[in-house]
C-alpha atoms as a PDB file:
ATOM      1  CA  UNK A   1      27.537  -3.056   1.267  1.00  0.00           C
ATOM      2  CA  UNK A   2      29.410  -6.158  -0.122  1.00  0.00           C
ATOM      3  CA  UNK A   3      32.577  -4.182  -1.617  1.00  0.00           C
ATOM      4  CA  UNK A   4      34.219  -3.368   1.658  1.00  0.00           C
ATOM      5  CA  UNK A   5      33.083  -2.108   5.092  1.00  0.00           C
ATOM      6  CA  UNK A   6      33.344   1.394   6.130  1.00  0.00           C
ATOM      7  CA  UNK A   7      34.709   2.950   9.422  1.00  0.00           C
ATOM      8  CA  UNK A   8      33.607   5.612  11.521  1.00  0.00           C
ATOM      9  CA  UNK A   9      36.804   7.487  10.178  1.00  0.00           C
ATOM     10  CA  UNK A  10      35.754   7.082   6.697  1.00  0.00           C
ATOM     11  CA  UNK A  11      32.361   8.535   7.191  1.00  0.00           C
ATOM     12  CA  UNK A  12      33.733  11.784   9.191  1.00  0.00           C
ATOM     13  CA  UNK A  13      36.021  12.443   6.289  1.00  0.00           C
ATOM     14  CA  UNK A  14      33.027  12.006   3.801  1.00  0.00           C
ATOM     15  CA  UNK A  15      31.158  14.543   6.114  1.00  0.00           C
ATOM     16  CA  UNK A  16      33.843  17.219   5.855  1.00  0.00           C
ATOM     17  CA  UNK A  17      33.968  16.927   2.182  1.00  0.00           C
ATOM     18  CA  UNK A  18      29.884  16.976   2.074  1.00  0.00           C
ATOM     19  CA  UNK A  19      30.299  20.219   3.968  1.00  0.00           C
ATOM     20  CA  UNK A  20      32.944  21.670   1.758  1.00  0.00           C
ATOM     21  CA  UNK A  21      31.104  21.162  -1.387  1.00  0.00           C
ATOM     22  CA  UNK A  22      27.694  21.731  -0.320  1.00  0.00           C
ATOM     23  CA  UNK A  23      24.737  19.051  -0.604  1.00  0.00           C
ATOM     24  CA  UNK A  24      23.820  19.764  -4.043  1.00  0.00           C
ATOM     25  CA  UNK A  25      27.412  19.674  -5.696  1.00  0.00           C
ATOM     26  CA  UNK A  26      28.201  16.554  -3.531  1.00  0.00           C
ATOM     27  CA  UNK A  27      25.407  14.587  -4.681  1.00  0.00           C
ATOM     28  CA  UNK A  28      25.924  15.994  -8.065  1.00  0.00           C
ATOM     29  CA  UNK A  29      29.592  14.621  -8.280  1.00  0.00           C
ATOM     30  CA  UNK A  30      28.952  11.300  -7.050  1.00  0.00           C
ATOM     31  CA  UNK A  31      25.720  10.649  -8.974  1.00  0.00           C
ATOM     32  CA  UNK A  32      23.376  10.360  -5.911  1.00  0.00           C
ATOM     33  CA  UNK A  33      19.797  11.833  -5.489  1.00  0.00           C
ATOM     34  CA  UNK A  34      18.503  13.663  -2.390  1.00  0.00           C
ATOM     35  CA  UNK A  35      17.792  11.084   0.457  1.00  0.00           C
ATOM     36  CA  UNK A  36      14.108  10.048   0.663  1.00  0.00           C
ATOM     37  CA  UNK A  37      13.949   8.122   3.939  1.00  0.00           C
ATOM     38  CA  UNK A  38      17.033   8.720   6.090  1.00  0.00           C
ATOM     39  CA  UNK A  39      19.338  11.483   6.959  1.00  0.00           C
ATOM     40  CA  UNK A  40      22.347  11.483   9.072  1.00  0.00           C
ATOM     41  CA  UNK A  41      22.218  13.797  12.050  1.00  0.00           C
ATOM     42  CA  UNK A  42      25.723  14.922  13.144  1.00  0.00           C
ATOM     43  CA  UNK A  43      26.837  18.077  14.797  1.00  0.00           C
ATOM     44  CA  UNK A  44      23.336  19.910  14.402  1.00  0.00           C
ATOM     45  CA  UNK A  45      23.551  18.933  10.431  1.00  0.00           C
ATOM     46  CA  UNK A  46      21.857  16.748   8.050  1.00  0.00           C
ATOM     47  CA  UNK A  47      23.270  14.664   5.663  1.00  0.00           C
ATOM     48  CA  UNK A  48      22.078  12.225   2.860  1.00  0.00           C
ATOM     49  CA  UNK A  49      22.674   8.903   4.342  1.00  0.00           C
ATOM     50  CA  UNK A  50      22.999   6.733   1.282  1.00  0.00           C
ATOM     51  CA  UNK A  51      25.086   9.148  -0.419  1.00  0.00           C
ATOM     52  CA  UNK A  52      27.755   9.618   2.397  1.00  0.00           C
ATOM     53  CA  UNK A  53      27.822   5.802   2.889  1.00  0.00           C
ATOM     54  CA  UNK A  54      28.515   5.185  -0.827  1.00  0.00           C
ATOM     55  CA  UNK A  55      31.131   7.873  -0.885  1.00  0.00           C
ATOM     56  CA  UNK A  56      32.741   6.707   2.340  1.00  0.00           C
ATOM     57  CA  UNK A  57      33.670   3.672   0.876  1.00  0.00           C
ATOM     58  CA  UNK A  58      36.627   5.318  -1.331  1.00  0.00           C
ATOM     59  CA  UNK A  59      38.638   6.085   1.779  1.00  0.00           C
ATOM     60  CA  UNK A  60      39.599   2.568   2.737  1.00  0.00           C
ATOM     61  CA  UNK A  61      38.871   0.777  -0.715  1.00  0.00           C
ATOM     62  CA  UNK A  62      39.979   3.209  -3.454  1.00  0.00           C
ATOM     63  CA  UNK A  63      36.793   4.305  -5.054  1.00  0.00           C
ATOM     64  CA  UNK A  64      33.261   5.528  -4.172  1.00  0.00           C
ATOM     65  CA  UNK A  65      30.318   3.304  -4.645  1.00  0.00           C
ATOM     66  CA  UNK A  66      27.614   4.505  -7.264  1.00  0.00           C
ATOM     67  CA  UNK A  67      23.824   4.549  -6.043  1.00  0.00           C
ATOM     68  CA  UNK A  68      23.199   1.158  -7.380  1.00  0.00           C
ATOM     69  CA  UNK A  69      26.193  -0.567  -5.869  1.00  0.00           C
ATOM     70  CA  UNK A  70      24.746  -0.541  -2.347  1.00  0.00           C
ATOM     71  CA  UNK A  71      23.778  -4.099  -2.380  1.00  0.00           C
ATOM     72  CA  UNK A  72      21.288  -3.868   0.533  1.00  0.00           C
ATOM     73  CA  UNK A  73      20.047  -0.432  -0.620  1.00  0.00           C
ATOM     74  CA  UNK A  74      19.319   2.507   1.858  1.00  0.00           C
ATOM     75  CA  UNK A  75      18.565  -0.002   4.658  1.00  0.00           C
ATOM     76  CA  UNK A  76      21.907  -1.550   4.338  1.00  0.00           C
ATOM     77  CA  UNK A  77      23.674   1.862   4.354  1.00  0.00           C
ATOM     78  CA  UNK A  78      21.769   3.037   7.519  1.00  0.00           C
ATOM     79  CA  UNK A  79      22.917  -0.267   9.523  1.00  0.00           C
ATOM     80  CA  UNK A  80      26.574   0.447   8.734  1.00  0.00           C
ATOM     81  CA  UNK A  81      26.250   4.172   9.740  1.00  0.00           C
ATOM     82  CA  UNK A  82      24.291   3.194  13.109  1.00  0.00           C
ATOM     83  CA  UNK A  83      26.877   0.572  13.571  1.00  0.00           C
ATOM     84  CA  UNK A  84      29.530   3.242  13.438  1.00  0.00           C
ATOM     85  CA  UNK A  85      27.795   5.398  16.196  1.00  0.00           C
ATOM     86  CA  UNK A  86      26.379   7.783  13.831  1.00  0.00           C
ATOM     87  CA  UNK A  87      22.667   9.029  14.220  1.00  0.00           C
ATOM     88  CA  UNK A  88      20.225   8.383  11.470  1.00  0.00           C
ATOM     89  CA  UNK A  89      16.712   9.977  11.354  1.00  0.00           C
ATOM     90  CA  UNK A  90      13.852   9.998   9.167  1.00  0.00           C
ATOM     91  CA  UNK A  91      14.005  12.573   6.052  1.00  0.00           C
ATOM     92  CA  UNK A  92      10.401  12.866   6.513  1.00  0.00           C
ATOM     93  CA  UNK A  93       7.395  11.835   9.041  1.00  0.00           C
ATOM     94  CA  UNK A  94       5.643   8.635   8.295  1.00  0.00           C
ATOM     95  CA  UNK A  95       1.957   8.506   7.591  1.00  0.00           C
ATOM     96  CA  UNK A  96      -0.591   9.355  10.115  1.00  0.00           C
ATOM     97  CA  UNK A  97      -1.795   6.354  12.221  1.00  0.00           C
ATOM     98  CA  UNK A  98      -5.484   6.135  13.295  1.00  0.00           C
ATOM     99  CA  UNK A  99      -4.871   7.240  16.965  1.00  0.00           C
ATOM    100  CA  UNK A 100      -3.308  10.535  15.549  1.00  0.00           C
ATOM    101  CA  UNK A 101      -6.173  10.943  13.017  1.00  0.00           C
ATOM    102  CA  UNK A 102      -8.789  10.484  15.817  1.00  0.00           C
ATOM    103  CA  UNK A 103      -7.415  13.328  17.919  1.00  0.00           C
ATOM    104  CA  UNK A 104      -7.029  15.518  14.658  1.00  0.00           C
ATOM    105  CA  UNK A 105     -10.605  14.654  13.342  1.00  0.00           C
ATOM    106  CA  UNK A 106     -12.056  15.605  16.614  1.00  0.00           C
ATOM    107  CA  UNK A 107     -10.520  18.914  16.684  1.00  0.00           C
ATOM    108  CA  UNK A 108     -12.059  19.466  13.357  1.00  0.00           C
ATOM    109  CA  UNK A 109     -15.409  18.085  14.192  1.00  0.00           C
ATOM    110  CA  UNK A 110     -15.490  20.361  17.122  1.00  0.00           C
ATOM    111  CA  UNK A 111     -14.688  23.164  14.700  1.00  0.00           C
ATOM    112  CA  UNK A 112     -17.922  22.694  12.630  1.00  0.00           C
ATOM    113  CA  UNK A 113     -15.762  20.653  10.263  1.00  0.00           C
ATOM    114  CA  UNK A 114     -13.318  22.913   9.430  1.00  0.00           C
ATOM    115  CA  UNK A 115      -9.458  23.041   9.133  1.00  0.00           C
ATOM    116  CA  UNK A 116      -7.637  25.242  11.661  1.00  0.00           C
ATOM    117  CA  UNK A 117      -4.706  27.681  11.188  1.00  0.00           C
ATOM    118  CA  UNK A 118      -1.053  26.685  12.597  1.00  0.00           C
ATOM    119  CA  UNK A 119      -1.578  29.754  15.033  1.00  0.00           C
ATOM    120  CA  UNK A 120      -4.696  28.417  16.523  1.00  0.00           C
ATOM    121  CA  UNK A 121      -4.268  27.166  20.335  1.00  0.00           C
ATOM    122  CA  UNK A 122      -6.075  24.342  19.610  1.00  0.00           C
ATOM    123  CA  UNK A 123      -3.312  23.083  16.760  1.00  0.00           C
ATOM    124  CA  UNK A 124      -0.788  23.778  19.430  1.00  0.00           C
ATOM    125  CA  UNK A 125      -2.547  21.330  21.971  1.00  0.00           C
ATOM    126  CA  UNK A 126      -3.073  18.711  19.179  1.00  0.00           C
ATOM    127  CA  UNK A 127       0.578  18.920  18.010  1.00  0.00           C
ATOM    128  CA  UNK A 128       1.783  18.555  21.861  1.00  0.00           C
ATOM    129  CA  UNK A 129      -0.699  15.533  22.067  1.00  0.00           C
ATOM    130  CA  UNK A 130       0.773  13.850  18.989  1.00  0.00           C
ATOM    131  CA  UNK A 131       4.179  13.957  20.371  1.00  0.00           C
ATOM    132  CA  UNK A 132       2.810  12.337  23.752  1.00  0.00           C
ATOM    133  CA  UNK A 133       0.951   9.761  21.694  1.00  0.00           C
ATOM    134  CA  UNK A 134       4.381   8.609  20.188  1.00  0.00           C
ATOM    135  CA  UNK A 135       2.711   6.579  17.342  1.00  0.00           C
ATOM    136  CA  UNK A 136       6.131   6.099  15.778  1.00  0.00           C
ATOM    137  CA  UNK A 137       9.468   5.549  17.574  1.00  0.00           C
ATOM    138  CA  UNK A 138      11.812   8.454  17.440  1.00  0.00           C
ATOM    139  CA  UNK A 139      14.204   7.030  14.593  1.00  0.00           C
ATOM    140  CA  UNK A 140      11.023   7.404  12.332  1.00  0.00           C
ATOM    141  CA  UNK A 141      10.334  11.121  13.045  1.00  0.00           C
ATOM    142  CA  UNK A 142      11.379  13.861  10.913  1.00  0.00           C
ATOM    143  CA  UNK A 143      12.630  17.125  12.809  1.00  0.00           C
ATOM    144  CA  UNK A 144       9.274  18.722  12.060  1.00  0.00           C
ATOM    145  CA  UNK A 145       7.342  15.570  13.053  1.00  0.00           C
ATOM    146  CA  UNK A 146       3.688  16.486  13.782  1.00  0.00           C
ATOM    147  CA  UNK A 147       4.675  20.153  14.433  1.00  0.00           C
ATOM    148  CA  UNK A 148       2.043  22.927  14.161  1.00  0.00           C
ATOM    149  CA  UNK A 149       2.135  23.213  10.490  1.00  0.00           C
ATOM    150  CA  UNK A 150       1.787  19.523   9.947  1.00  0.00           C
ATOM    151  CA  UNK A 151      -1.343  19.312  12.371  1.00  0.00           C
ATOM    152  CA  UNK A 152      -2.882  22.095  10.773  1.00  0.00           C
ATOM    153  CA  UNK A 153      -2.283  20.861   7.208  1.00  0.00           C
ATOM    154  CA  UNK A 154      -3.819  17.450   8.501  1.00  0.00           C
ATOM    155  CA  UNK A 155      -7.172  19.189   9.842  1.00  0.00           C
ATOM    156  CA  UNK A 156      -7.653  20.698   6.247  1.00  0.00           C
ATOM    157  CA  UNK A 157      -6.903  17.673   4.629  1.00  0.00           C
ATOM    158  CA  UNK A 158      -9.808  15.928   6.850  1.00  0.00           C
ATOM    159  CA  UNK A 159     -12.156  18.805   6.541  1.00  0.00           C
ATOM    160  CA  UNK A 160     -11.604  18.626   2.725  1.00  0.00           C
ATOM    161  CA  UNK A 161     -13.153  14.855   2.635  1.00  0.00           C
ATOM    162  CA  UNK A 162     -16.335  16.001   4.691  1.00  0.00           C
ATOM    163  CA  UNK A 163     -19.623  15.771   2.345  1.00  0.00           C
ATOM    164  CA  UNK A 164     -20.301  19.439   2.929  1.00  0.00           C
ATOM    165  CA  UNK A 165     -17.146  20.568   1.771  1.00  0.00           C
ATOM    166  CA  UNK A 166     -17.216  22.834  -1.368  1.00  0.00           C
ATOM    167  CA  UNK A 167     -13.553  23.653  -1.952  1.00  0.00           C
ATOM    168  CA  UNK A 168     -10.859  21.726  -3.863  1.00  0.00           C
ATOM    169  CA  UNK A 169      -9.690  18.430  -2.144  1.00  0.00           C
ATOM    170  CA  UNK A 170      -6.455  18.260  -0.602  1.00  0.00           C
ATOM    171  CA  UNK A 171      -3.795  15.235  -0.442  1.00  0.00           C
ATOM    172  CA  UNK A 172      -5.280  13.277   2.521  1.00  0.00           C
ATOM    173  CA  UNK A 173      -5.293   9.682   2.649  1.00  0.00           C
ATOM    174  CA  UNK A 174      -7.593   6.626   2.672  1.00  0.00           C
ATOM    175  CA  UNK A 175      -7.228   6.608   6.507  1.00  0.00           C
ATOM    176  CA  UNK A 176      -8.104  10.028   6.729  1.00  0.00           C
ATOM    177  CA  UNK A 177     -11.698   9.316   4.966  1.00  0.00           C
ATOM    178  CA  UNK A 178     -12.065   6.431   6.843  1.00  0.00           C
ATOM    179  CA  UNK A 179     -11.576   8.106  10.326  1.00  0.00           C
ATOM    180  CA  UNK A 180     -13.868  10.758   9.229  1.00  0.00           C
ATOM    181  CA  UNK A 181     -16.593   8.325   8.261  1.00  0.00           C
ATOM    182  CA  UNK A 182     -16.292   6.811  11.859  1.00  0.00           C
ATOM    183  CA  UNK A 183     -16.848  10.154  13.399  1.00  0.00           C
ATOM    184  CA  UNK A 184     -19.931  10.811  10.912  1.00  0.00           C
ATOM    185  CA  UNK A 185     -21.376   7.231  11.534  1.00  0.00           C
ATOM    186  CA  UNK A 186     -20.425   7.040  15.420  1.00  0.00           C
ATOM    187  CA  UNK A 187     -20.232  10.728  16.383  1.00  0.00           C
ATOM    188  CA  UNK A 188     -20.656  10.089  20.197  1.00  0.00           C
ATOM    189  CA  UNK A 189     -18.707   6.863  20.503  1.00  0.00           C
ATOM    190  CA  UNK A 190     -15.662   8.391  18.374  1.00  0.00           C
ATOM    191  CA  UNK A 191     -15.793  11.847  20.328  1.00  0.00           C
ATOM    192  CA  UNK A 192     -15.653   9.846  23.648  1.00  0.00           C
ATOM    193  CA  UNK A 193     -12.622   7.808  22.193  1.00  0.00           C
ATOM    194  CA  UNK A 194     -10.799  11.164  21.437  1.00  0.00           C
ATOM    195  CA  UNK A 195     -11.469  12.347  25.096  1.00  0.00           C
ATOM    196  CA  UNK A 196     -10.255   9.094  26.631  1.00  0.00           C
ATOM    197  CA  UNK A 197      -7.124   9.366  24.586  1.00  0.00           C
ATOM    198  CA  UNK A 198      -6.264  13.213  25.342  1.00  0.00           C
ATOM    199  CA  UNK A 199      -7.040  12.321  29.037  1.00  0.00           C
ATOM    200  CA  UNK A 200      -4.961   9.198  29.482  1.00  0.00           C
ATOM    201  CA  UNK A 201      -1.981  10.834  27.424  1.00  0.00           C
ATOM    202  CA  UNK A 202      -2.192  13.799  29.717  1.00  0.00           C
ATOM    203  CA  UNK A 203      -2.249  11.685  32.930  1.00  0.00           C
ATOM    204  CA  UNK A 204      -0.183   8.896  31.929  1.00  0.00           C
ATOM    205  CA  UNK A 205      -2.889   6.381  32.226  1.00  0.00           C
ATOM    206  CA  UNK A 206      -2.289   5.564  28.524  1.00  0.00           C
ATOM    207  CA  UNK A 207       1.016   4.603  27.427  1.00  0.00           C
ATOM    208  CA  UNK A 208       2.577   5.162  23.559  1.00  0.00           C
ATOM    209  CA  UNK A 209       2.136   2.211  21.284  1.00  0.00           C
ATOM    210  CA  UNK A 210       4.403   2.590  18.227  1.00  0.00           C
ATOM    211  CA  UNK A 211       3.336   0.730  15.279  1.00  0.00           C
ATOM    212  CA  UNK A 212       6.338  -1.679  15.062  1.00  0.00           C
ATOM    213  CA  UNK A 213       5.896  -2.729  18.815  1.00  0.00           C
ATOM    214  CA  UNK A 214       2.375  -3.432  18.973  1.00  0.00           C
ATOM    215  CA  UNK A 215       1.460  -7.060  18.165  1.00  0.00           C
ATOM    216  CA  UNK A 216      -2.088  -6.984  18.981  1.00  0.00           C
ATOM    217  CA  UNK A 217      -3.521  -4.807  16.321  1.00  0.00           C
ATOM    218  CA  UNK A 218      -3.220  -6.433  12.894  1.00  0.00           C
ATOM    219  CA  UNK A 219      -5.355  -6.446   9.601  1.00  0.00           C
ATOM    220  CA  UNK A 220      -7.883  -8.737  10.931  1.00  0.00           C
ATOM    221  CA  UNK A 221      -8.678  -6.471  14.122  1.00  0.00           C
ATOM    222  CA  UNK A 222     -11.215  -3.631  13.855  1.00  0.00           C
ATOM    223  CA  UNK A 223     -10.310  -1.076  16.463  1.00  0.00           C
ATOM    224  CA  UNK A 224     -11.812   2.323  15.333  1.00  0.00           C
ATOM    225  CA  UNK A 225     -10.872   3.753  18.819  1.00  0.00           C
ATOM    226  CA  UNK A 226      -7.349   3.501  17.991  1.00  0.00           C
ATOM    227  CA  UNK A 227      -4.046   1.695  19.027  1.00  0.00           C
ATOM    228  CA  UNK A 228      -3.719   2.792  22.533  1.00  0.00           C
ATOM    229  CA  UNK A 229      -7.415   2.268  23.811  1.00  0.00           C
ATOM    230  CA  UNK A 230      -7.472  -1.045  22.183  1.00  0.00           C
ATOM    231  CA  UNK A 231      -4.193  -2.239  23.789  1.00  0.00           C
ATOM    232  CA  UNK A 232      -5.381  -0.815  27.243  1.00  0.00           C
ATOM    233  CA  UNK A 233      -8.958  -2.734  26.514  1.00  0.00           C
ATOM    234  CA  UNK A 234      -6.673  -6.168  25.839  1.00  0.00           C
ATOM    235  CA  UNK A 235      -4.464  -5.331  29.048  1.00  0.00           C
ATOM    236  CA  UNK A 236      -7.754  -5.440  31.029  1.00  0.00           C
ATOM    237  CA  UNK A 237      -8.774  -8.723  29.397  1.00  0.00           C
ATOM    238  CA  UNK A 238      -5.657 -10.369  30.324  1.00  0.00           C
ATOM    239  CA  UNK A 239      -5.484  -9.512  33.695  1.00  0.00           C
ATOM    240  CA  UNK A 240      -4.665 -12.822  34.984  1.00  0.00           C
ATOM    241  CA  UNK A 241      -6.176 -12.284  38.531  1.00  0.00           C
ATOM    242  CA  UNK A 242      -9.599 -10.984  37.072  1.00  0.00           C
ATOM    243  CA  UNK A 243      -9.850 -13.917  34.913  1.00  0.00           C
ATOM    244  CA  UNK A 244      -9.203 -16.240  37.807  1.00  0.00           C
ATOM    245  CA  UNK A 245     -11.998 -14.616  39.652  1.00  0.00           C
ATOM    246  CA  UNK A 246     -14.391 -14.846  36.706  1.00  0.00           C
ATOM    247  CA  UNK A 247     -13.939 -18.373  36.308  1.00  0.00           C
ATOM    248  CA  UNK A 248     -14.108 -19.200  39.948  1.00  0.00           C
ATOM    249  CA  UNK A 249     -17.198 -17.098  39.967  1.00  0.00           C
ATOM    250  CA  UNK A 250     -18.971 -19.215  36.982  1.00  0.00           C
ATOM    251  CA  UNK A 251     -17.896 -22.549  38.428  1.00  0.00           C
ATOM    252  CA  UNK A 252     -19.100 -21.701  42.073  1.00  0.00           C
ATOM    253  CA  UNK A 253     -22.666 -21.048  40.285  1.00  0.00           C
ATOM    254  CA  UNK A 254     -22.696 -24.514  38.807  1.00  0.00           C
ATOM    255  CA  UNK A 255     -21.448 -23.180  35.495  1.00  0.00           C
ATOM    256  CA  UNK A 256     -18.821 -24.531  32.787  1.00  0.00           C
ATOM    257  CA  UNK A 257     -15.879 -23.164  31.035  1.00  0.00           C
ATOM    258  CA  UNK A 258     -17.802 -23.237  28.000  1.00  0.00           C
ATOM    259  CA  UNK A 259     -17.787 -20.264  25.360  1.00  0.00           C
ATOM    260  CA  UNK A 260     -20.674 -17.806  26.121  1.00  0.00           C
ATOM    261  CA  UNK A 261     -21.147 -17.308  22.334  1.00  0.00           C
ATOM    262  CA  UNK A 262     -20.707 -20.873  20.572  1.00  0.00           C
ATOM    263  CA  UNK A 263     -20.552 -23.130  23.465  1.00  0.00           C
ATOM    264  CA  UNK A 264     -16.985 -24.671  22.528  1.00  0.00           C
ATOM    265  CA  UNK A 265     -15.264 -26.419  25.605  1.00  0.00           C
ATOM    266  CA  UNK A 266     -11.737 -26.775  25.379  1.00  0.00           C
ATOM    267  CA  UNK A 267     -11.761 -29.608  28.099  1.00  0.00           C
ATOM    268  CA  UNK A 268     -14.101 -31.619  26.077  1.00  0.00           C
ATOM    269  CA  UNK A 269     -12.428 -31.196  22.842  1.00  0.00           C
ATOM    270  CA  UNK A 270      -8.882 -31.251  24.121  1.00  0.00           C
ATOM    271  CA  UNK A 271      -9.256 -33.462  27.230  1.00  0.00           C
ATOM    272  CA  UNK A 272      -6.878 -32.887  30.174  1.00  0.00           C
ATOM    273  CA  UNK A 273      -4.685 -30.122  28.069  1.00  0.00           C
ATOM    274  CA  UNK A 274      -7.716 -28.198  27.565  1.00  0.00           C
ATOM    275  CA  UNK A 275      -9.050 -28.266  31.269  1.00  0.00           C
ATOM    276  CA  UNK A 276      -9.679 -25.051  32.843  1.00  0.00           C
ATOM    277  CA  UNK A 277      -8.534 -23.020  29.693  1.00  0.00           C
ATOM    278  CA  UNK A 278     -11.061 -20.354  28.268  1.00  0.00           C
ATOM    279  CA  UNK A 279     -10.534 -16.603  27.252  1.00  0.00           C
ATOM    280  CA  UNK A 280     -11.825 -13.494  28.777  1.00  0.00           C
ATOM    281  CA  UNK A 281     -13.563 -10.602  27.067  1.00  0.00           C
ATOM    282  CA  UNK A 282     -14.390  -7.360  28.499  1.00  0.00           C
ATOM    283  CA  UNK A 283     -18.122  -6.752  27.088  1.00  0.00           C
ATOM    284  CA  UNK A 284     -17.751  -3.003  27.089  1.00  0.00           C
ATOM    285  CA  UNK A 285     -14.866  -1.536  24.929  1.00  0.00           C
ATOM    286  CA  UNK A 286     -13.104   1.042  26.860  1.00  0.00           C
ATOM    287  CA  UNK A 287     -14.056   3.848  24.490  1.00  0.00           C
ATOM    288  CA  UNK A 288     -17.684   3.312  25.390  1.00  0.00           C
ATOM    289  CA  UNK A 289     -17.445   2.769  29.058  1.00  0.00           C
ATOM    290  CA  UNK A 290     -14.199   4.891  29.864  1.00  0.00           C
ATOM    291  CA  UNK A 291     -11.906   4.092  32.791  1.00  0.00           C
ATOM    292  CA  UNK A 292     -13.102   2.621  36.054  1.00  0.00           C
ATOM    293  CA  UNK A 293     -13.006  -0.480  38.215  1.00  0.00           C
ATOM    294  CA  UNK A 294     -13.749  -3.719  36.156  1.00  0.00           C
ATOM    295  CA  UNK A 295     -16.439  -5.673  37.627  1.00  0.00           C
ATOM    296  CA  UNK A 296     -16.777  -9.460  36.915  1.00  0.00           C
ATOM    297  CA  UNK A 297     -20.231  -8.802  35.468  1.00  0.00           C
ATOM    298  CA  UNK A 298     -18.218  -6.784  32.879  1.00  0.00           C
ATOM    299  CA  UNK A 299     -16.293  -9.952  31.516  1.00  0.00           C
ATOM    300  CA  UNK A 300     -17.462 -12.861  29.554  1.00  0.00           C
ATOM    301  CA  UNK A 301     -15.764 -16.303  29.088  1.00  0.00           C
ATOM    302  CA  UNK A 302     -15.129 -16.808  25.402  1.00  0.00           C
ATOM    303  CA  UNK A 303     -13.410 -19.140  23.111  1.00  0.00           C
ATOM    304  CA  UNK A 304     -10.507 -17.698  20.851  1.00  0.00           C
ATOM    305  CA  UNK A 305     -12.320 -18.086  17.685  1.00  0.00           C
ATOM    306  CA  UNK A 306     -15.304 -15.990  18.962  1.00  0.00           C
ATOM    307  CA  UNK A 307     -13.137 -13.555  20.574  1.00  0.00           C
ATOM    308  CA  UNK A 308     -11.298 -12.839  17.235  1.00  0.00           C
ATOM    309  CA  UNK A 309     -14.724 -12.691  15.688  1.00  0.00           C
ATOM    310  CA  UNK A 310     -15.781 -10.117  18.225  1.00  0.00           C
ATOM    311  CA  UNK A 311     -12.694  -7.905  17.746  1.00  0.00           C
ATOM    312  CA  UNK A 312     -12.754  -8.196  13.898  1.00  0.00           C
ATOM    313  CA  UNK A 313     -14.831  -5.124  13.021  1.00  0.00           C
ATOM    314  CA  UNK A 314     -16.766  -2.276  14.753  1.00  0.00           C
ATOM    315  CA  UNK A 315     -19.142  -2.093  16.295  1.00  0.00           C
ATOM    316  CA  UNK A 316     -17.738  -5.145  18.498  1.00  0.00           C
ATOM    317  CA  UNK A 317     -20.773  -7.330  19.095  1.00  0.00           C
ATOM    318  CA  UNK A 318     -21.651  -8.593  22.570  1.00  0.00           C
ATOM    319  CA  UNK A 319     -21.336 -12.312  23.255  1.00  0.00           C
ATOM    320  CA  UNK A 320     -25.241 -12.705  23.300  1.00  0.00           C
ATOM    321  CA  UNK A 321     -25.281 -11.088  19.847  1.00  0.00           C
ATOM    322  CA  UNK A 322     -22.761 -13.183  18.509  1.00  0.00           C
ATOM    323  CA  UNK A 323     -24.382 -16.177  20.002  1.00  0.00           C
ATOM    324  CA  UNK A 324     -27.692 -15.006  17.947  1.00  0.00           C
ATOM    325  CA  UNK A 325     -25.756 -14.449  15.081  1.00  0.00           C
ATOM    326  CA  UNK A 326     -24.165 -18.080  14.803  1.00  0.00           C
ATOM    327  CA  UNK A 327     -27.561 -19.528  15.855  1.00  0.00           C
ATOM    328  CA  UNK A 328     -29.064 -17.736  12.637  1.00  0.00           C
ATOM    329  CA  UNK A 329     -26.246 -18.731  10.464  1.00  0.00           C
ATOM    330  CA  UNK A 330     -26.633 -22.522  11.650  1.00  0.00           C
ATOM    331  CA  UNK A 331     -30.258 -22.424  11.011  1.00  0.00           C
ATOM    332  CA  UNK A 332     -30.167 -20.600   7.576  1.00  0.00           C
ATOM    333  CA  UNK A 333     -31.640 -17.295   8.917  1.00  0.00           C
ATOM    334  CA  UNK A 334     -30.460 -13.991   7.951  1.00  0.00           C
ATOM    335  CA  UNK A 335     -27.574 -13.064  10.454  1.00  0.00           C
ATOM    336  CA  UNK A 336     -27.331  -9.236  11.483  1.00  0.00           C
ATOM    337  CA  UNK A 337     -24.363  -7.288  12.874  1.00  0.00           C
ATOM    338  CA  UNK A 338     -25.133  -5.084  15.938  1.00  0.00           C
ATOM    339  CA  UNK A 339     -25.645  -1.332  15.353  1.00  0.00           C
ATOM    340  CA  UNK A 340     -23.928   1.546  17.223  1.00  0.00           C
ATOM    341  CA  UNK A 341     -25.345   1.421  20.646  1.00  0.00           C
ATOM    342  CA  UNK A 342     -24.478   3.013  24.090  1.00  0.00           C
ATOM    343  CA  UNK A 343     -22.223   1.365  26.960  1.00  0.00           C
ATOM    344  CA  UNK A 344     -25.488   0.896  28.918  1.00  0.00           C
ATOM    345  CA  UNK A 345     -27.090  -0.918  26.311  1.00  0.00           C
ATOM    346  CA  UNK A 346     -24.012  -2.978  25.984  1.00  0.00           C
ATOM    347  CA  UNK A 347     -24.160  -3.815  29.463  1.00  0.00           C
ATOM    348  CA  UNK A 348     -27.562  -4.983  29.557  1.00  0.00           C
ATOM    349  CA  UNK A 349     -27.256  -7.291  26.504  1.00  0.00           C
END
């Protein structure tokens, strides 16, 4: 808002006017539309953030700003309001994250692919778990964020995408379809992921992973089991003590710190700078193996590129499978990706 700064007192005067006129008359008088993203939360009431910020301008600068005069848009208005100590929350909840959909889809799957009503105890449990999951930070959650009605509606959205569904499609999103397909393609694996998320959230073993705070999971990482399990998986891989023991074990047996998939050796390529460097990959994903003590045999030494390729899409290939893929690719033979498999099969490969 480059026309002039607004103060807390300006905002409080505007909230009083908003209360006196009522939301509809206030917005109509000053030419603003209802807030689509953010609301001011003050004394137990909600106010349209952009409108309040624009009208507050008149108290110190002679006139209210029109909606298109807020130079930075709603984000700029929100920044000013927060700076003056006001709580600003989302006007509606954000799109469902994959972890949330895994929990919801599992409920639908265990209900023979039918949606559930908001009064169903399983929906109450789902809503409670979604609050624990914390896929989004508090300021991005609307007051009704993932409540029973929203959780029940999502189960019906998911059910409407099932191949056997005969009714009218609902307003679910593309990610709903993708998670549903994961459950259809890999039912045991996805059900196990849901169990681990539920148990981990209840016990505190798994910590919330808000989208904005998690830098591990980006568009080039395929983690069908969701963000919280993938982050736990990466935490195990980055355990410095385990990595050090794994490297020591390999060297003690006369091995070298070369990639188990492609043979890349950081020391040979980068000299002294690369000596002793290699990444550690946990061969069995958490959603396949479950919680437990990590053994050195569960770890593989992998270069950065191969590690990235393993995590790029599901199901994750083992280092041996990736090595075969690389050999086939280099020799001109057809390269195949692995099919879904059990944790025991992964451990043996």
